[in-house]
Amino acid sequence: MDLAREYAESKIDEGTVVIAESQTSSRGRLGRTWVSKPGNLYLSVVLYPNQITLPLVGIVAALAVKKSIFKTTGTRPDIKWPNDILIHGRKVAGILVESVMMADQIKYAIVGIGTNVSLNLDELGELGSVATSLNLALGYEVSRETLFRTLLQELDSLYFDIKKGISPIPEWRDSLGTLSKKVSVVHGGSKIDGIAEDVDNLGNLIVRTDSGNLVTLTSGDVTLEKNDVALEL
C-alpha cells in the first residue's frame, strides 16, 4: 500500500499493480494487522476514481475476489459486509481501500487485497478459529498465477463498469452472506444488535435493531452470530 501510494503521488498510470510475496507491516480494516506469509496473494492497485465511483471501489474489489475464486476453483465464497470474503464461514480474503483527497477532489485510491492461498493452521495462530486459506478449505493446491490473472481481469471489468455508470450493488447484494442474519455492529463507539435486513444503493447496511428501529450504517465492525455463538471476522 505504501509503495503504491508513492507511485500514485507521482501520477503513475491507473491500474498499476504492486504485488508482494510477503509484507513486513501489513494492515487491514479498522487498524487490524494481516498475517502476510509467503505463498499467498498480496497486491495493491492504483486507481483514480471520482466522487461517484469511490464509494463503490471496495464493493467491486470484493466482487472481483469472489468471482476470481469461483472461476479458479469452482467454489462460490460469501461476502461479509462490506468486503470480507468467506469460505465455510471463515475469512479467506480481505480488502482495504485507502484514498487521498485534496480540497474536494479525490487524488487517488489504493485498493489492497490479501488472499490466503496456502496458509496453514499453524501460521494462522489464534486466527485459525475465524480464518482459513484456499488450500486448507478446499483440500488441494490452488494456482496463485491463475487466481492472480483472473482477479485482475475481474477487477478491470467491474471497475470500468462503474465508470460507465453500471452499478455493482445488485450482484454484490446477492453475494452477501450477512443479510437476514443476526448481527452485532460496532459503529462510532456504540454497539447495535439486530437483523441485517438489506443494503441501500450506496452499499450501506440496513439493520433492524432489537427494538424494531431501522438503522443505516455506512461503516462498522460486523460480528455474525452463528448457532447462538458470536463469530467475529
Foldseek 3Di string as FASTA:
>chain_A
DVVVVVCLVVVHDFFDKDWDQFDDFAAAPPGHHDQTHGPWTKMKGKHFDWPQCVLCLLLLLLVLLQVLCCVQPVDGWFAAPPRFTDDPQAGFKGKDKDWDDDDNTTSIIMIIMTGAQPDDLVSCPPSSVRHDHNCGRVVHHTDPVSSVVSSSVSSVVSSVCVVVVNQPQVVSQVRHPQAQFWKWWQDPNDIFTAGFHGADSSRWTWGQGPVGDTDTHPDTFIWTADPNRTRGD
